Amino acid sequence: MTATTSTNGAQAPASNRFLIWGGEGWVAGHLKALLEGQGKEVYTTTIRMENREAVLAELERVKPTHVLNAAGCTGRPNVDWCEDNREATMRSNVVGTLNLTDCCLVKGVHCTVFATGCIYQYDETHPWDGPGYLETDAANFAGSFYSMTKAHVEEVMKHYNNCLILRLRMPVSDDLHPRNFVTKIAKYERVVDIPNSNTILTDLLPASILLAEHGEVGIYNFTNPGAISHNEVLTLFRDIVRPSFTWKNFTLDEQAKVIKAGRSNCKLDTTKLTTKLKEYGYEVPEIHEAYQKCFERMKAAGVQ
């Protein structure tokens, strides 16, 4: 653990100290590696967010300037788990998330929450080939309990003046980790073929550090610009990473018969994000280009 300056974006104050909540999680691990690679001072914790006394004690012990909240309940192996474990889901995604944000406010700490954009679904005003949802649009997807908790907590959390809310969707890493969206759909017997916004972590996580260090707050759709269909993703995966790969499609109605909770399908507008990042000299590639580069990195690393 060291404490120097960032290699991506503007130079950060040497006094910046990051504390990652959900320290054993997938996104948290990527954040920790990224910060360490930038020479930043970084700590992690697995303290339950809903435990106010323990949260305040941890903030007092570490004295971070920035908290990165990558904790929360997404369910294992998927969000269907949340349908049968609603109290646990609320305790983490609602009570815990608000408590941590509030404790950070009390301690004068900037809090970045890695949230979700899976709170929308295509409708007549937002068809798949139409405009994306803005940060100011009201959530309209209530097909899963997980998404409901995320939408409700965001409505409250957005009023905290120390809080940056980043809406990820279908996150993708440069490996085939079990939490990687590509890993998931590559293992499904059949997939739906609908355009969606996706978050390539290699592109977006450095941007999260940049936004946090500059004290940005409010809600940002945190995906690569544009939308890409499942078939387009898997075609690129086959062509670049795994030439023998094959898959089958099925309809939304057919999918509904084998899952407990509905799945959000939507495109998010990234104008606010890309405009802000340009102020700091940072650009996020369009999703098709981003996937191409992601799979090329996989191939170069020997991932199959």
C-alpha atoms as a PDB file:
ATOM      1  CA  MET A   1       0.000   0.000   0.000  1.00  0.00           C
ATOM      2  CA  THR A   2       1.404   3.332  -1.077  1.00  0.00           C
ATOM      3  CA  ALA A   3       0.168   6.875  -1.448  1.00  0.00           C
ATOM      4  CA  THR A   4       1.205   8.746  -4.566  1.00  0.00           C
ATOM      5  CA  THR A   5      -0.633  10.362  -7.482  1.00  0.00           C
ATOM      6  CA  SER A   6      -2.988   9.057 -10.136  1.00  0.00           C
ATOM      7  CA  THR A   7      -1.712   8.034 -13.563  1.00  0.00           C
ATOM      8  CA  ASN A   8      -5.151   8.539 -15.092  1.00  0.00           C
ATOM      9  CA  GLY A   9      -6.592  12.029 -15.190  1.00  0.00           C
ATOM     10  CA  ALA A  10      -5.671  15.021 -13.077  1.00  0.00           C
ATOM     11  CA  GLN A  11      -3.253  14.738 -10.191  1.00  0.00           C
ATOM     12  CA  ALA A  12      -4.987  13.929  -6.936  1.00  0.00           C
ATOM     13  CA  PRO A  13      -4.106  15.311  -3.519  1.00  0.00           C
ATOM     14  CA  ALA A  14      -1.530  13.123  -1.774  1.00  0.00           C
ATOM     15  CA  SER A  15      -3.801  13.026   1.275  1.00  0.00           C
ATOM     16  CA  ASN A  16      -6.562  11.092  -0.505  1.00  0.00           C
ATOM     17  CA  ARG A  17      -7.335   7.837   1.308  1.00  0.00           C
ATOM     18  CA  PHE A  18      -9.803   5.313  -0.107  1.00  0.00           C
ATOM     19  CA  LEU A  19     -11.871   2.807   1.856  1.00  0.00           C
ATOM     20  CA  ILE A  20     -13.676   0.174  -0.212  1.00  0.00           C
ATOM     21  CA  TRP A  21     -16.820  -1.366   1.257  1.00  0.00           C
ATOM     22  CA  GLY A  22     -17.575  -4.915   0.178  1.00  0.00           C
ATOM     23  CA  GLY A  23     -13.863  -5.623   0.146  1.00  0.00           C
ATOM     24  CA  GLU A  24     -14.094  -9.279  -0.851  1.00  0.00           C
ATOM     25  CA  GLY A  25     -16.400  -8.656  -3.812  1.00  0.00           C
ATOM     26  CA  TRP A  26     -15.670  -8.778  -7.524  1.00  0.00           C
ATOM     27  CA  VAL A  27     -15.909  -5.062  -8.335  1.00  0.00           C
ATOM     28  CA  ALA A  28     -14.183  -4.211  -5.055  1.00  0.00           C
ATOM     29  CA  GLY A  29     -11.234  -6.371  -6.053  1.00  0.00           C
ATOM     30  CA  HIS A  30     -10.899  -4.536  -9.345  1.00  0.00           C
ATOM     31  CA  LEU A  31     -11.086  -1.180  -7.565  1.00  0.00           C
ATOM     32  CA  LYS A  32      -8.415  -2.204  -5.074  1.00  0.00           C
ATOM     33  CA  ALA A  33      -6.056  -3.383  -7.818  1.00  0.00           C
ATOM     34  CA  LEU A  34      -6.672  -0.213  -9.818  1.00  0.00           C
ATOM     35  CA  LEU A  35      -5.996   2.100  -6.877  1.00  0.00           C
ATOM     36  CA  GLU A  36      -2.899   0.187  -5.855  1.00  0.00           C
ATOM     37  CA  GLY A  37      -1.681   0.349  -9.440  1.00  0.00           C
ATOM     38  CA  GLN A  38      -2.089   4.124  -9.312  1.00  0.00           C
ATOM     39  CA  GLY A  39      -0.110   4.237  -6.082  1.00  0.00           C
ATOM     40  CA  LYS A  40      -3.089   5.317  -4.003  1.00  0.00           C
ATOM     41  CA  GLU A  41      -3.624   4.660  -0.314  1.00  0.00           C
ATOM     42  CA  VAL A  42      -6.425   2.111  -0.163  1.00  0.00           C
ATOM     43  CA  TYR A  43      -8.126  -0.008   2.489  1.00  0.00           C
ATOM     44  CA  THR A  44     -10.960  -2.531   2.286  1.00  0.00           C
ATOM     45  CA  THR A  45     -13.604  -3.690   4.737  1.00  0.00           C
ATOM     46  CA  THR A  46     -16.339  -6.308   4.960  1.00  0.00           C
ATOM     47  CA  ILE A  47     -18.219  -4.719   7.862  1.00  0.00           C
ATOM     48  CA  ARG A  48     -21.976  -4.937   7.379  1.00  0.00           C
ATOM     49  CA  MET A  49     -23.294  -1.616   6.143  1.00  0.00           C
ATOM     50  CA  GLU A  50     -26.419  -1.783   8.318  1.00  0.00           C
ATOM     51  CA  ASN A  51     -24.373  -1.928  11.538  1.00  0.00           C
ATOM     52  CA  ARG A  52     -24.212   1.792  12.315  1.00  0.00           C
ATOM     53  CA  GLU A  53     -21.885   1.586  15.311  1.00  0.00           C
ATOM     54  CA  ALA A  54     -19.417  -0.629  13.451  1.00  0.00           C
ATOM     55  CA  VAL A  55     -19.558   1.549  10.332  1.00  0.00           C
ATOM     56  CA  LEU A  56     -18.856   4.726  12.315  1.00  0.00           C
ATOM     57  CA  ALA A  57     -16.024   2.988  14.164  1.00  0.00           C
ATOM     58  CA  GLU A  58     -14.441   1.840  10.891  1.00  0.00           C
ATOM     59  CA  LEU A  59     -14.661   5.334   9.409  1.00  0.00           C
ATOM     60  CA  GLU A  60     -13.061   6.731  12.552  1.00  0.00           C
ATOM     61  CA  ARG A  61     -10.317   4.081  12.462  1.00  0.00           C
ATOM     62  CA  VAL A  62      -9.332   4.453   8.797  1.00  0.00           C
ATOM     63  CA  LYS A  63     -10.231   8.139   8.414  1.00  0.00           C
ATOM     64  CA  PRO A  64     -10.791   7.921   4.644  1.00  0.00           C
ATOM     65  CA  THR A  65     -11.340  10.900   2.399  1.00  0.00           C
ATOM     66  CA  HIS A  66     -13.346   8.702   0.021  1.00  0.00           C
ATOM     67  CA  VAL A  67     -15.538   5.639   0.527  1.00  0.00           C
ATOM     68  CA  LEU A  68     -16.253   3.417  -2.474  1.00  0.00           C
ATOM     69  CA  ASN A  69     -19.357   1.362  -1.782  1.00  0.00           C
ATOM     70  CA  ALA A  70     -19.144  -1.815  -3.857  1.00  0.00           C
ATOM     71  CA  ALA A  71     -21.173  -3.827  -1.341  1.00  0.00           C
ATOM     72  CA  GLY A  72     -24.799  -4.869  -1.587  1.00  0.00           C
ATOM     73  CA  CYS A  73     -26.944  -7.875  -2.290  1.00  0.00           C
ATOM     74  CA  THR A  74     -27.273  -9.101  -5.877  1.00  0.00           C
ATOM     75  CA  GLY A  75     -28.121 -12.715  -5.073  1.00  0.00           C
ATOM     76  CA  ARG A  76     -26.357 -15.994  -5.799  1.00  0.00           C
ATOM     77  CA  PRO A  77     -26.251 -17.295  -8.436  1.00  0.00           C
ATOM     78  CA  ASN A  78     -28.438 -14.443  -9.713  1.00  0.00           C
ATOM     79  CA  VAL A  79     -31.159 -11.972  -8.717  1.00  0.00           C
ATOM     80  CA  ASP A  80     -33.755 -14.743  -8.437  1.00  0.00           C
ATOM     81  CA  TRP A  81     -32.303 -15.333  -4.932  1.00  0.00           C
ATOM     82  CA  CYS A  82     -33.582 -11.921  -3.860  1.00  0.00           C
ATOM     83  CA  GLU A  83     -37.184 -12.968  -4.555  1.00  0.00           C
ATOM     84  CA  ASP A  84     -37.011 -15.536  -1.739  1.00  0.00           C
ATOM     85  CA  ASN A  85     -34.791 -13.481   0.589  1.00  0.00           C
ATOM     86  CA  ARG A  86     -36.481 -10.103   0.634  1.00  0.00           C
ATOM     87  CA  GLU A  87     -35.623  -9.071   4.192  1.00  0.00           C
ATOM     88  CA  ALA A  88     -31.919  -9.770   3.667  1.00  0.00           C
ATOM     89  CA  THR A  89     -32.037  -7.914   0.353  1.00  0.00           C
ATOM     90  CA  MET A  90     -33.654  -4.867   1.948  1.00  0.00           C
ATOM     91  CA  ARG A  91     -31.289  -4.944   4.897  1.00  0.00           C
ATOM     92  CA  SER A  92     -28.310  -4.662   2.585  1.00  0.00           C
ATOM     93  CA  ASN A  93     -29.544  -2.700  -0.430  1.00  0.00           C
ATOM     94  CA  VAL A  94     -31.764  -0.217   1.393  1.00  0.00           C
ATOM     95  CA  VAL A  95     -30.987   0.012   5.121  1.00  0.00           C
ATOM     96  CA  GLY A  96     -27.273  -0.671   4.742  1.00  0.00           C
ATOM     97  CA  THR A  97     -26.668   1.537   1.718  1.00  0.00           C
ATOM     98  CA  LEU A  98     -28.451   4.500   3.299  1.00  0.00           C
ATOM     99  CA  ASN A  99     -26.732   3.964   6.631  1.00  0.00           C
ATOM    100  CA  LEU A 100     -23.252   3.941   5.103  1.00  0.00           C
ATOM    101  CA  THR A 101     -24.004   7.057   3.054  1.00  0.00           C
ATOM    102  CA  ASP A 102     -25.368   8.827   6.129  1.00  0.00           C
ATOM    103  CA  CYS A 103     -22.391   7.821   8.278  1.00  0.00           C
ATOM    104  CA  CYS A 104     -20.061   9.181   5.612  1.00  0.00           C
ATOM    105  CA  LEU A 105     -21.976  12.465   5.696  1.00  0.00           C
ATOM    106  CA  VAL A 106     -21.605  12.631   9.471  1.00  0.00           C
ATOM    107  CA  LYS A 107     -17.847  12.071   9.121  1.00  0.00           C
ATOM    108  CA  GLY A 108     -17.415  14.457   6.194  1.00  0.00           C
ATOM    109  CA  VAL A 109     -16.461  11.684   3.753  1.00  0.00           C
ATOM    110  CA  HIS A 110     -17.271  11.567   0.048  1.00  0.00           C
ATOM    111  CA  CYS A 111     -19.212   8.383  -0.770  1.00  0.00           C
ATOM    112  CA  THR A 112     -19.342   6.744  -4.197  1.00  0.00           C
ATOM    113  CA  VAL A 113     -22.080   4.120  -4.572  1.00  0.00           C
ATOM    114  CA  PHE A 114     -21.790   1.544  -7.339  1.00  0.00           C
ATOM    115  CA  ALA A 115     -25.477   1.232  -8.109  1.00  0.00           C
ATOM    116  CA  THR A 116     -27.413  -0.252 -11.023  1.00  0.00           C
ATOM    117  CA  GLY A 117     -29.143   0.960 -14.146  1.00  0.00           C
ATOM    118  CA  CYS A 118     -31.367  -2.132 -14.137  1.00  0.00           C
ATOM    119  CA  ILE A 119     -34.319  -0.027 -13.036  1.00  0.00           C
ATOM    120  CA  TYR A 120     -35.722   0.621 -16.511  1.00  0.00           C
ATOM    121  CA  GLN A 121     -37.360  -1.329 -19.312  1.00  0.00           C
ATOM    122  CA  TYR A 122     -38.073  -0.440 -22.912  1.00  0.00           C
ATOM    123  CA  ASP A 123     -41.485   1.181 -23.478  1.00  0.00           C
ATOM    124  CA  GLU A 124     -43.292   3.236 -26.098  1.00  0.00           C
ATOM    125  CA  THR A 125     -41.277   6.385 -25.388  1.00  0.00           C
ATOM    126  CA  HIS A 126     -38.000   4.485 -25.005  1.00  0.00           C
ATOM    127  CA  PRO A 127     -37.948   1.692 -27.610  1.00  0.00           C
ATOM    128  CA  TRP A 128     -34.723  -0.254 -28.104  1.00  0.00           C
ATOM    129  CA  ASP A 129     -33.842   1.838 -31.178  1.00  0.00           C
ATOM    130  CA  GLY A 130     -34.895   5.117 -29.570  1.00  0.00           C
ATOM    131  CA  PRO A 131     -33.463   7.495 -26.960  1.00  0.00           C
ATOM    132  CA  GLY A 132     -31.812   6.154 -23.832  1.00  0.00           C
ATOM    133  CA  TYR A 133     -33.056   6.790 -20.309  1.00  0.00           C
ATOM    134  CA  LEU A 134     -31.727   9.903 -18.595  1.00  0.00           C
ATOM    135  CA  GLU A 135     -30.596  10.143 -14.988  1.00  0.00           C
ATOM    136  CA  THR A 136     -33.720  12.211 -14.287  1.00  0.00           C
ATOM    137  CA  ASP A 137     -36.189   9.661 -15.682  1.00  0.00           C
ATOM    138  CA  ALA A 138     -38.304   7.840 -13.119  1.00  0.00           C
ATOM    139  CA  ALA A 139     -37.648   4.112 -12.761  1.00  0.00           C
ATOM    140  CA  ASN A 140     -40.228   2.026 -14.613  1.00  0.00           C
ATOM    141  CA  PHE A 141     -39.034  -1.553 -14.091  1.00  0.00           C
ATOM    142  CA  ALA A 142     -40.504  -3.482 -11.183  1.00  0.00           C
ATOM    143  CA  GLY A 143     -40.037  -6.975 -12.543  1.00  0.00           C
ATOM    144  CA  SER A 144     -37.588  -8.028  -9.828  1.00  0.00           C
ATOM    145  CA  PHE A 145     -37.398  -7.320  -6.111  1.00  0.00           C
ATOM    146  CA  TYR A 146     -33.686  -6.557  -6.493  1.00  0.00           C
ATOM    147  CA  SER A 147     -34.381  -3.775  -8.996  1.00  0.00           C
ATOM    148  CA  MET A 148     -37.199  -2.415  -6.849  1.00  0.00           C
ATOM    149  CA  THR A 149     -34.893  -2.010  -3.852  1.00  0.00           C
ATOM    150  CA  LYS A 150     -32.272  -0.296  -5.977  1.00  0.00           C
ATOM    151  CA  ALA A 151     -34.749   2.140  -7.485  1.00  0.00           C
ATOM    152  CA  HIS A 152     -36.290   3.035  -4.123  1.00  0.00           C
ATOM    153  CA  VAL A 153     -32.993   3.613  -2.335  1.00  0.00           C
ATOM    154  CA  GLU A 154     -31.685   5.782  -5.161  1.00  0.00           C
ATOM    155  CA  GLU A 155     -34.665   8.115  -4.797  1.00  0.00           C
ATOM    156  CA  VAL A 156     -33.605   8.835  -1.208  1.00  0.00           C
ATOM    157  CA  MET A 157     -29.850   8.622  -1.597  1.00  0.00           C
ATOM    158  CA  LYS A 158     -29.704  11.206  -4.391  1.00  0.00           C
ATOM    159  CA  HIS A 159     -30.527  13.918  -1.827  1.00  0.00           C
ATOM    160  CA  TYR A 160     -27.256  13.376   0.092  1.00  0.00           C
ATOM    161  CA  ASN A 161     -24.785  16.082  -0.895  1.00  0.00           C
ATOM    162  CA  ASN A 162     -21.769  13.826  -0.319  1.00  0.00           C
ATOM    163  CA  CYS A 163     -22.957  10.994  -2.561  1.00  0.00           C
ATOM    164  CA  LEU A 164     -21.968  10.006  -6.104  1.00  0.00           C
ATOM    165  CA  ILE A 165     -24.274   7.346  -7.592  1.00  0.00           C
ATOM    166  CA  LEU A 166     -22.919   5.369 -10.539  1.00  0.00           C
ATOM    167  CA  ARG A 167     -25.411   3.172 -12.398  1.00  0.00           C
ATOM    168  CA  LEU A 168     -23.604   0.143 -13.792  1.00  0.00           C
ATOM    169  CA  ARG A 169     -25.291  -2.359 -16.132  1.00  0.00           C
ATOM    170  CA  MET A 170     -24.223  -5.893 -16.982  1.00  0.00           C
ATOM    171  CA  PRO A 171     -20.571  -5.310 -15.954  1.00  0.00           C
ATOM    172  CA  VAL A 172     -17.799  -6.999 -17.928  1.00  0.00           C
ATOM    173  CA  SER A 173     -14.188  -7.645 -16.921  1.00  0.00           C
ATOM    174  CA  ASP A 174     -11.192  -8.662 -19.040  1.00  0.00           C
ATOM    175  CA  ASP A 175     -11.377 -12.232 -17.761  1.00  0.00           C
ATOM    176  CA  LEU A 176     -14.098 -14.853 -17.435  1.00  0.00           C
ATOM    177  CA  HIS A 177     -14.806 -14.364 -13.737  1.00  0.00           C
ATOM    178  CA  PRO A 178     -18.151 -15.933 -12.699  1.00  0.00           C
ATOM    179  CA  ARG A 179     -19.628 -12.457 -12.086  1.00  0.00           C
ATOM    180  CA  ASN A 180     -18.696 -11.267 -15.577  1.00  0.00           C
ATOM    181  CA  PHE A 181     -21.801 -10.714 -17.728  1.00  0.00           C
ATOM    182  CA  VAL A 182     -20.153 -12.491 -20.662  1.00  0.00           C
ATOM    183  CA  THR A 183     -19.338 -15.519 -18.517  1.00  0.00           C
ATOM    184  CA  LYS A 184     -22.965 -15.707 -17.435  1.00  0.00           C
ATOM    185  CA  ILE A 185     -24.580 -15.546 -20.853  1.00  0.00           C
ATOM    186  CA  ALA A 186     -21.923 -17.835 -22.369  1.00  0.00           C
ATOM    187  CA  LYS A 187     -23.022 -20.547 -19.928  1.00  0.00           C
ATOM    188  CA  TYR A 188     -26.746 -20.187 -20.581  1.00  0.00           C
ATOM    189  CA  GLU A 189     -28.350 -22.819 -22.733  1.00  0.00           C
ATOM    190  CA  ARG A 190     -30.278 -20.072 -24.528  1.00  0.00           C
ATOM    191  CA  VAL A 191     -30.193 -16.262 -24.447  1.00  0.00           C
ATOM    192  CA  VAL A 192     -32.542 -13.474 -25.463  1.00  0.00           C
ATOM    193  CA  ASP A 193     -31.280 -11.125 -28.152  1.00  0.00           C
ATOM    194  CA  ILE A 194     -32.047  -7.579 -27.031  1.00  0.00           C
ATOM    195  CA  PRO A 195     -29.832  -4.452 -27.157  1.00  0.00           C
ATOM    196  CA  ASN A 196     -28.666  -3.254 -23.733  1.00  0.00           C
ATOM    197  CA  SER A 197     -26.267  -0.817 -22.174  1.00  0.00           C
ATOM    198  CA  ASN A 198     -23.183  -2.531 -20.736  1.00  0.00           C
ATOM    199  CA  THR A 199     -20.340  -1.458 -18.442  1.00  0.00           C
ATOM    200  CA  ILE A 200     -16.817  -2.499 -19.450  1.00  0.00           C
ATOM    201  CA  LEU A 201     -14.974  -2.226 -16.132  1.00  0.00           C
ATOM    202  CA  THR A 202     -11.570  -1.483 -17.675  1.00  0.00           C
ATOM    203  CA  ASP A 203     -13.068   1.648 -19.242  1.00  0.00           C
ATOM    204  CA  LEU A 204     -15.342   2.819 -16.439  1.00  0.00           C
ATOM    205  CA  LEU A 205     -13.652   2.044 -13.115  1.00  0.00           C
ATOM    206  CA  PRO A 206     -10.799   4.532 -13.695  1.00  0.00           C
ATOM    207  CA  ALA A 207     -13.495   7.102 -14.434  1.00  0.00           C
ATOM    208  CA  SER A 208     -15.140   6.364 -11.072  1.00  0.00           C
ATOM    209  CA  ILE A 209     -11.907   7.246  -9.269  1.00  0.00           C
ATOM    210  CA  LEU A 210     -11.577  10.414 -11.309  1.00  0.00           C
ATOM    211  CA  LEU A 211     -15.126  11.527 -10.479  1.00  0.00           C
ATOM    212  CA  ALA A 212     -14.694  10.705  -6.793  1.00  0.00           C
ATOM    213  CA  GLU A 213     -11.412  12.583  -6.503  1.00  0.00           C
ATOM    214  CA  HIS A 214     -13.009  15.665  -8.018  1.00  0.00           C
ATOM    215  CA  GLY A 215     -15.858  15.500  -5.520  1.00  0.00           C
ATOM    216  CA  GLU A 216     -18.596  14.915  -8.060  1.00  0.00           C
ATOM    217  CA  VAL A 217     -22.025  14.017  -6.641  1.00  0.00           C
ATOM    218  CA  GLY A 218     -25.415  13.047  -8.005  1.00  0.00           C
ATOM    219  CA  ILE A 219     -26.468  10.304 -10.408  1.00  0.00           C
ATOM    220  CA  TYR A 220     -24.570   9.196 -13.509  1.00  0.00           C
ATOM    221  CA  ASN A 221     -25.503   6.491 -15.995  1.00  0.00           C
ATOM    222  CA  PHE A 222     -22.246   4.570 -15.786  1.00  0.00           C
ATOM    223  CA  THR A 223     -22.043   2.541 -18.989  1.00  0.00           C
ATOM    224  CA  ASN A 224     -20.209   2.719 -22.274  1.00  0.00           C
ATOM    225  CA  PRO A 225     -22.098   4.829 -24.826  1.00  0.00           C
ATOM    226  CA  GLY A 226     -24.582   2.964 -26.997  1.00  0.00           C
ATOM    227  CA  ALA A 227     -26.252  -0.426 -26.690  1.00  0.00           C
ATOM    228  CA  ILE A 228     -25.283  -3.902 -27.872  1.00  0.00           C
ATOM    229  CA  SER A 229     -27.337  -7.065 -28.258  1.00  0.00           C
ATOM    230  CA  HIS A 230     -26.515 -10.407 -26.665  1.00  0.00           C
ATOM    231  CA  ASN A 231     -25.955 -11.930 -30.095  1.00  0.00           C
ATOM    232  CA  GLU A 232     -23.513  -9.157 -31.016  1.00  0.00           C
ATOM    233  CA  VAL A 233     -21.596  -9.743 -27.781  1.00  0.00           C
ATOM    234  CA  LEU A 234     -21.431 -13.510 -28.283  1.00  0.00           C
ATOM    235  CA  THR A 235     -20.476 -13.146 -31.943  1.00  0.00           C
ATOM    236  CA  LEU A 236     -17.485 -10.997 -30.983  1.00  0.00           C
ATOM    237  CA  PHE A 237     -16.645 -13.455 -28.207  1.00  0.00           C
ATOM    238  CA  ARG A 238     -16.703 -16.344 -30.677  1.00  0.00           C
ATOM    239  CA  ASP A 239     -14.733 -14.532 -33.372  1.00  0.00           C
ATOM    240  CA  ILE A 240     -11.994 -13.268 -31.063  1.00  0.00           C
ATOM    241  CA  VAL A 241     -11.804 -15.519 -27.985  1.00  0.00           C
ATOM    242  CA  ARG A 242     -13.461 -18.906 -28.556  1.00  0.00           C
ATOM    243  CA  PRO A 243     -13.917 -19.909 -32.232  1.00  0.00           C
ATOM    244  CA  SER A 244     -15.816 -23.099 -31.397  1.00  0.00           C
ATOM    245  CA  PHE A 245     -18.469 -21.317 -29.311  1.00  0.00           C
ATOM    246  CA  THR A 246     -22.139 -21.693 -30.237  1.00  0.00           C
ATOM    247  CA  TRP A 247     -25.407 -20.563 -28.645  1.00  0.00           C
ATOM    248  CA  LYS A 248     -29.149 -20.545 -29.116  1.00  0.00           C
ATOM    249  CA  ASN A 249     -31.775 -17.856 -28.672  1.00  0.00           C
ATOM    250  CA  PHE A 250     -35.211 -17.791 -27.096  1.00  0.00           C
ATOM    251  CA  THR A 251     -37.934 -15.203 -26.641  1.00  0.00           C
ATOM    252  CA  LEU A 252     -38.740 -13.121 -23.576  1.00  0.00           C
ATOM    253  CA  ASP A 253     -41.886 -15.199 -23.062  1.00  0.00           C
ATOM    254  CA  GLU A 254     -39.829 -18.400 -23.153  1.00  0.00           C
ATOM    255  CA  GLN A 255     -37.274 -16.890 -20.770  1.00  0.00           C
ATOM    256  CA  ALA A 256     -40.004 -15.913 -18.312  1.00  0.00           C
ATOM    257  CA  LYS A 257     -40.905 -19.558 -17.851  1.00  0.00           C
ATOM    258  CA  VAL A 258     -37.489 -20.467 -16.417  1.00  0.00           C
ATOM    259  CA  ILE A 259     -36.727 -17.477 -14.152  1.00  0.00           C
ATOM    260  CA  LYS A 260     -38.370 -16.203 -10.973  1.00  0.00           C
ATOM    261  CA  ALA A 261     -37.622 -12.531 -11.458  1.00  0.00           C
ATOM    262  CA  GLY A 262     -37.902 -10.471 -14.599  1.00  0.00           C
ATOM    263  CA  ARG A 263     -34.791  -9.014 -16.213  1.00  0.00           C
ATOM    264  CA  SER A 264     -34.312  -5.366 -17.091  1.00  0.00           C
ATOM    265  CA  ASN A 265     -33.594  -4.551 -20.735  1.00  0.00           C
ATOM    266  CA  CYS A 266     -32.817  -0.925 -21.512  1.00  0.00           C
ATOM    267  CA  LYS A 267     -30.448   1.639 -22.967  1.00  0.00           C
ATOM    268  CA  LEU A 268     -29.087   4.435 -20.789  1.00  0.00           C
ATOM    269  CA  ASP A 269     -28.167   7.875 -22.085  1.00  0.00           C
ATOM    270  CA  THR A 270     -24.506   8.601 -21.251  1.00  0.00           C
ATOM    271  CA  THR A 271     -24.356  12.240 -22.358  1.00  0.00           C
ATOM    272  CA  LYS A 272     -24.033  13.559 -18.804  1.00  0.00           C
ATOM    273  CA  LEU A 273     -21.193  11.144 -18.024  1.00  0.00           C
ATOM    274  CA  THR A 274     -19.175  11.639 -21.215  1.00  0.00           C
ATOM    275  CA  THR A 275     -19.555  15.421 -21.028  1.00  0.00           C
ATOM    276  CA  LYS A 276     -18.306  15.514 -17.443  1.00  0.00           C
ATOM    277  CA  LEU A 277     -15.390  13.173 -18.130  1.00  0.00           C
ATOM    278  CA  LYS A 278     -14.250  15.281 -21.076  1.00  0.00           C
ATOM    279  CA  GLU A 279     -13.648  18.096 -18.567  1.00  0.00           C
ATOM    280  CA  TYR A 280     -10.973  15.835 -17.079  1.00  0.00           C
ATOM    281  CA  GLY A 281      -9.566  14.660 -20.411  1.00  0.00           C
ATOM    282  CA  TYR A 282     -11.066  11.174 -20.136  1.00  0.00           C
ATOM    283  CA  GLU A 283     -13.045   9.434 -22.881  1.00  0.00           C
ATOM    284  CA  VAL A 284     -15.125   6.258 -22.727  1.00  0.00           C
ATOM    285  CA  PRO A 285     -15.269   4.168 -25.938  1.00  0.00           C
ATOM    286  CA  GLU A 286     -18.558   3.217 -27.603  1.00  0.00           C
ATOM    287  CA  ILE A 287     -19.777  -0.201 -26.511  1.00  0.00           C
ATOM    288  CA  HIS A 288     -19.044  -2.146 -29.731  1.00  0.00           C
ATOM    289  CA  GLU A 289     -15.500  -0.783 -29.862  1.00  0.00           C
ATOM    290  CA  ALA A 290     -15.127  -1.396 -26.125  1.00  0.00           C
ATOM    291  CA  TYR A 291     -16.136  -5.057 -26.424  1.00  0.00           C
ATOM    292  CA  GLN A 292     -13.758  -5.534 -29.351  1.00  0.00           C
ATOM    293  CA  LYS A 293     -10.862  -4.234 -27.256  1.00  0.00           C
ATOM    294  CA  CYS A 294     -11.986  -6.188 -24.182  1.00  0.00           C
ATOM    295  CA  PHE A 295     -11.999  -9.498 -26.060  1.00  0.00           C
ATOM    296  CA  GLU A 296      -8.674  -8.685 -27.689  1.00  0.00           C
ATOM    297  CA  ARG A 297      -7.204  -8.179 -24.214  1.00  0.00           C
ATOM    298  CA  MET A 298      -8.702 -11.532 -23.192  1.00  0.00           C
ATOM    299  CA  LYS A 299      -7.131 -13.246 -26.182  1.00  0.00           C
ATOM    300  CA  ALA A 300      -3.749 -11.639 -25.551  1.00  0.00           C
ATOM    301  CA  ALA A 301      -3.910 -12.896 -21.948  1.00  0.00           C
ATOM    302  CA  GLY A 302      -4.641 -16.427 -23.098  1.00  0.00           C
ATOM    303  CA  VAL A 303      -8.239 -16.471 -21.835  1.00  0.00           C
ATOM    304  CA  GLN A 304     -10.364 -19.140 -23.489  1.00  0.00           C
END
